[in-house]
N, C-alpha and C. Protein backbone atom coordinates (compact mmCIF):
# COMPACT_ATOMS: atom_id res chain seq x y z
N MET A 1 0.85 -1.13 0.00
CA MET A 1 -0.27 0.30 0.13
C MET A 1 0.71 0.96 0.29
N VAL A 2 2.02 1.22 0.89
CA VAL A 2 2.87 2.14 0.73
C VAL A 2 3.18 2.80 -0.49
N VAL A 3 4.15 1.18 -1.16
CA VAL A 3 4.33 1.23 -2.22
C VAL A 3 3.63 2.03 -3.41
N GLU A 4 2.75 1.98 -3.67
CA GLU A 4 1.76 2.12 -4.01
C GLU A 4 1.42 3.99 -4.14
N PHE A 5 1.06 4.90 -2.81
CA PHE A 5 0.81 5.55 -2.27
C PHE A 5 3.05 6.28 -3.13
N VAL A 6 3.49 5.76 -2.87
CA VAL A 6 4.65 6.56 -3.17
C VAL A 6 5.77 6.97 -4.67
N LEU A 7 4.73 5.82 -5.46
CA LEU A 7 4.85 5.92 -7.01
C LEU A 7 4.00 7.24 -7.42
N ALA A 8 2.09 7.06 -6.25
CA ALA A 8 1.42 7.98 -7.32
C ALA A 8 1.87 9.15 -7.36
N GLY A 9 2.94 9.49 -5.81
CA GLY A 9 3.20 10.59 -5.35
C GLY A 9 4.42 11.49 -6.70
N VAL A 10 5.20 10.06 -6.62
CA VAL A 10 6.44 10.20 -8.05
C VAL A 10 5.99 10.67 -9.55
N PHE A 11 5.38 9.45 -9.62
CA PHE A 11 3.77 9.92 -10.85
C PHE A 11 3.83 11.82 -11.50
N ALA A 12 2.89 11.90 -10.33
CA ALA A 12 1.88 13.20 -9.92
C ALA A 12 2.92 13.85 -10.39
N ILE A 13 4.09 14.12 -9.00
CA ILE A 13 5.61 15.28 -9.43
C ILE A 13 5.97 14.82 -11.04
N LEU A 14 6.62 14.09 -11.52
CA LEU A 14 7.17 14.27 -12.57
C LEU A 14 5.77 14.68 -13.53
N ALA A 15 4.66 14.52 -13.72
CA ALA A 15 4.02 14.92 -14.61
C ALA A 15 3.92 16.68 -14.99
N ILE A 16 3.98 17.15 -12.81
CA ILE A 16 4.08 18.38 -13.14
C ILE A 16 5.05 19.37 -13.43
N LEU A 17 6.71 18.90 -13.32
CA LEU A 17 7.71 18.25 -13.37
C LEU A 17 7.34 18.97 -15.04
N THR A 18 7.41 18.05 -15.79
CA THR A 18 6.86 18.00 -16.85
C THR A 18 6.56 19.13 -18.12
N ALA A 19 4.95 19.26 -16.93
CA ALA A 19 3.96 20.61 -17.33
C ALA A 19 4.38 21.54 -17.49
N VAL A 20 5.29 21.99 -16.02
CA VAL A 20 5.75 23.72 -15.84
C VAL A 20 7.03 23.63 -16.81
N ASN A 21 8.41 22.60 -17.34
CA ASN A 21 9.72 22.74 -17.59
C ASN A 21 9.54 20.89 -18.16
N PRO A 22 8.90 21.37 -19.99
CA PRO A 22 8.86 20.28 -20.81
C PRO A 22 10.53 19.73 -21.78
N GLN A 23 11.47 21.07 -20.71
CA GLN A 23 12.63 21.08 -22.18
C GLN A 23 13.49 20.38 -20.63
N TRP A 24 13.08 19.52 -19.67
CA TRP A 24 14.09 18.86 -18.25
C TRP A 24 14.14 17.42 -19.85
N ILE A 25 14.02 17.30 -20.61
CA ILE A 25 13.94 16.03 -20.75
C ILE A 25 14.99 15.97 -22.21
N GLU A 26 14.82 16.97 -22.89
CA GLU A 26 15.96 17.58 -23.81
C GLU A 26 17.23 17.76 -23.10
N THR A 27 17.50 18.18 -21.88
CA THR A 27 18.48 18.74 -21.01
C THR A 27 18.56 17.96 -20.51
N LEU A 28 18.27 16.38 -19.58
CA LEU A 28 18.57 15.61 -19.23
C LEU A 28 19.03 14.20 -20.29
N PHE A 29 19.09 14.21 -21.13
CA PHE A 29 19.18 13.14 -21.38
C PHE A 29 19.69 13.98 -23.58
N GLY A 30 19.86 15.17 -23.51
CA GLY A 30 20.53 15.60 -24.92
C GLY A 30 19.88 15.30 -25.97
N VAL A 31 18.74 15.13 -26.14
CA VAL A 31 18.16 14.36 -27.64
C VAL A 31 16.87 15.20 -27.47
N ASP A 32 16.98 15.08 -28.53
CA ASP A 32 15.03 16.11 -29.32
C ASP A 32 14.57 15.45 -30.02
N PRO A 33 13.76 14.06 -29.69
CA PRO A 33 12.79 13.51 -30.37
C PRO A 33 11.87 13.83 -31.32
N ASP A 34 11.03 15.13 -30.87
CA ASP A 34 9.93 15.41 -31.35
C ASP A 34 10.53 16.59 -32.03
N ARG A 35 11.60 17.03 -32.25
CA ARG A 35 11.96 17.67 -33.29
C ARG A 35 11.32 19.76 -32.51
N GLY A 36 11.11 19.90 -31.62
CA GLY A 36 10.27 21.20 -31.11
C GLY A 36 9.22 21.43 -30.54
N SER A 37 8.54 20.00 -31.10
CA SER A 37 6.58 20.39 -31.03
C SER A 37 6.58 20.30 -29.77
N GLY A 38 6.72 19.88 -28.83
CA GLY A 38 6.22 19.51 -28.10
C GLY A 38 5.64 18.92 -27.24
N ALA A 39 5.56 17.86 -28.43
CA ALA A 39 4.08 16.34 -28.23
C ALA A 39 4.37 15.68 -27.71
N LEU A 40 5.67 15.07 -27.40
CA LEU A 40 6.25 14.17 -26.77
C LEU A 40 6.28 14.91 -24.97
N GLU A 41 6.21 15.57 -24.90
CA GLU A 41 6.41 16.25 -23.32
C GLU A 41 4.68 16.54 -23.29
N TRP A 42 3.43 16.59 -23.53
CA TRP A 42 2.59 16.73 -23.65
C TRP A 42 2.38 15.20 -23.83
N ILE A 43 2.50 14.31 -23.93
CA ILE A 43 2.19 12.30 -23.95
C ILE A 43 3.12 12.05 -22.26
N ILE A 44 4.07 12.67 -22.19
CA ILE A 44 4.65 11.90 -21.14
C ILE A 44 3.74 12.87 -19.72
N VAL A 45 3.47 14.08 -19.82
CA VAL A 45 2.19 14.90 -19.06
C VAL A 45 1.21 13.42 -18.60
N ALA A 46 0.79 13.21 -20.00
CA ALA A 46 -0.83 12.29 -19.52
C ALA A 46 -0.46 11.09 -18.71
N VAL A 47 0.75 10.70 -19.77
CA VAL A 47 1.27 9.08 -18.80
C VAL A 47 1.11 8.93 -17.64
N PHE A 48 2.00 10.03 -17.98
CA PHE A 48 2.80 10.01 -15.69
C PHE A 48 0.86 10.50 -14.99
N GLY A 49 0.04 11.44 -15.51
CA GLY A 49 -0.91 11.66 -15.00
C GLY A 49 -1.73 10.58 -14.70
N VAL A 50 -2.05 9.63 -15.50
CA VAL A 50 -2.63 8.12 -15.29
C VAL A 50 -2.10 7.34 -14.66
N LEU A 51 -0.38 7.03 -14.99
CA LEU A 51 -0.28 6.42 -14.25
C LEU A 51 0.13 6.48 -12.22
N ALA A 52 -0.23 8.69 -11.99
CA ALA A 52 -0.81 8.52 -10.56
C ALA A 52 -1.86 7.65 -10.19
N LEU A 53 -2.53 8.93 -11.27
CA LEU A 53 -4.62 8.50 -10.56
C LEU A 53 -4.28 6.61 -10.46
N LEU A 54 -3.27 5.91 -10.90
CA LEU A 54 -4.23 4.20 -11.04
C LEU A 54 -3.58 3.87 -9.82
N ALA A 55 -1.82 4.32 -9.55
CA ALA A 55 -1.29 4.00 -8.45
C ALA A 55 -1.73 4.67 -6.58
N ALA A 56 -2.69 5.59 -7.18
CA ALA A 56 -2.91 6.20 -6.24
C ALA A 56 -4.99 5.18 -6.06
N GLY A 57 -5.24 5.01 -7.04
CA GLY A 57 -6.54 3.98 -7.16
C GLY A 57 -5.97 2.97 -6.14
N LEU A 58 -4.94 1.89 -6.59
CA LEU A 58 -4.29 0.42 -5.76
C LEU A 58 -3.94 0.83 -5.09
N GLY A 59 -3.51 1.74 -4.53
CA GLY A 59 -3.05 2.43 -2.94
C GLY A 59 -4.46 2.27 -2.10
N THR A 60 -5.09 3.34 -2.76
CA THR A 60 -6.61 3.10 -2.00
C THR A 60 -7.36 1.86 -1.58
N ARG A 61 -7.48 1.19 -2.92
CA ARG A 61 -7.62 0.34 -3.12
C ARG A 61 -7.46 -1.11 -1.79
N THR A 62 -6.41 -0.90 -1.76
CA THR A 62 -5.71 -2.36 -1.05
C THR A 62 -5.82 -1.82 0.46
N ALA A 63 -5.86 0.10 0.96
CA ALA A 63 -6.24 0.16 2.67
C ALA A 63 -7.09 -0.09 2.52
N VAL A 64 -8.22 -0.07 1.16
CA VAL A 64 -9.98 -0.54 2.09
C VAL A 64 -9.88 -2.02 2.55
N LEU A 65 -9.22 -3.04 1.57
CA LEU A 65 -9.40 -4.19 1.74
C LEU A 65 -8.88 -4.60 3.10
N ARG A 66 -7.91 -3.66 2.93
CA ARG A 66 -6.71 -3.91 4.72
C ARG A 66 -8.26 -3.78 6.18
N SER A 67 -8.03 -2.53 5.96
CA SER A 67 -9.53 -1.79 6.41
C SER A 67 -10.13 -3.19 7.01
N ARG A 68 -10.83 -3.08 6.00
CA ARG A 68 -12.01 -4.47 6.49
C ARG A 68 -11.80 -5.57 6.75
N SER A 69 -10.27 -5.89 6.43
CA SER A 69 -10.33 -7.81 7.19
C SER A 69 -10.38 -7.66 8.46
N ALA A 70 -9.31 -6.22 8.89
CA ALA A 70 -8.88 -6.09 10.11
C ALA A 70 -10.03 -6.06 10.71
């Protein structure tokens, strides 16, 4: 359960970081795969956002199941 919530936080931070400063990918890896269009960055924001929601949902589900069995 803790792992899911930590992952949700990490994914949310990465999504926000990419939305606020999309150039970090080019800076970190030294490549520009979308040639400046910004399309890749928005795809990454969406993917990290979905992963954050999924991880948070799984963590919540695990917490609810544990509280019911206790």
